[in-house]
Amino acid sequence: MAGKDSGSDLMRLLEGQAVVQDFRHLHWEGSFEEYLEIVRNTPAVSRNAFQRVYDMVVSWGTSSYTEYRKTITHYTFFDDPIDKGKDAVFGLDVPLMKLVNFLRSAALGYGTEKRVLLLHGPVGSSKSTIARMLKKGLEAYSRSDAGALYTFRWIDDTNSGILGNQASVKDPMNED
């Protein structure tokens, strides 16, 4: 019996270590210089929101087919591979292609990033489902190495600092 309990204790310990490693990987902390080194090594870290959403959608892959002499791009992301098709969108390849083209042009800075995107259509036309999928996709994407997000906090490491040695200072992006 003791051997069996120690085996399960070992498994819990190993699982706990994996959770700790995952947490550390997802909650990186470092200096501003270390963050700049990450940006130098991986420039995609500094993408804007439209670039991140576009990259997230395209990262799942595409396929093409011809309908009435027009080439249609099907984005695999809208098949909901995250939840095994639970929120999959069917029959809207052309509107979804227009949506992704909007995201692409905004990502490239063609001016559409200054516009409001309005999803409109009749009841039951997947507007909320598309929004939910984008949210769910970004949550999953931000946990991957390709979609990792970074932030930083200022550290006042001078003894004469306002808050003393090694005190955290508010993130400059959240100040009024």
Foldseek 3Di string as FASTA:
>chain_A
DVVVVVVVVVVVVVVVVVVVVLVCVQAPADDPVVVVVVCVVPVLQPADPLLLLLCLQCVQDWDWDDDPNDIFIATCLLCVPVVNNPLHAPDCRPVVVVVSVLSVCVSVPVPSVPDDDDDDDDPPNCPVSVVVSSVVSLVVQCSDPSNPHDFYWDFDQDCPDPVGHRDTDDGPVPDD
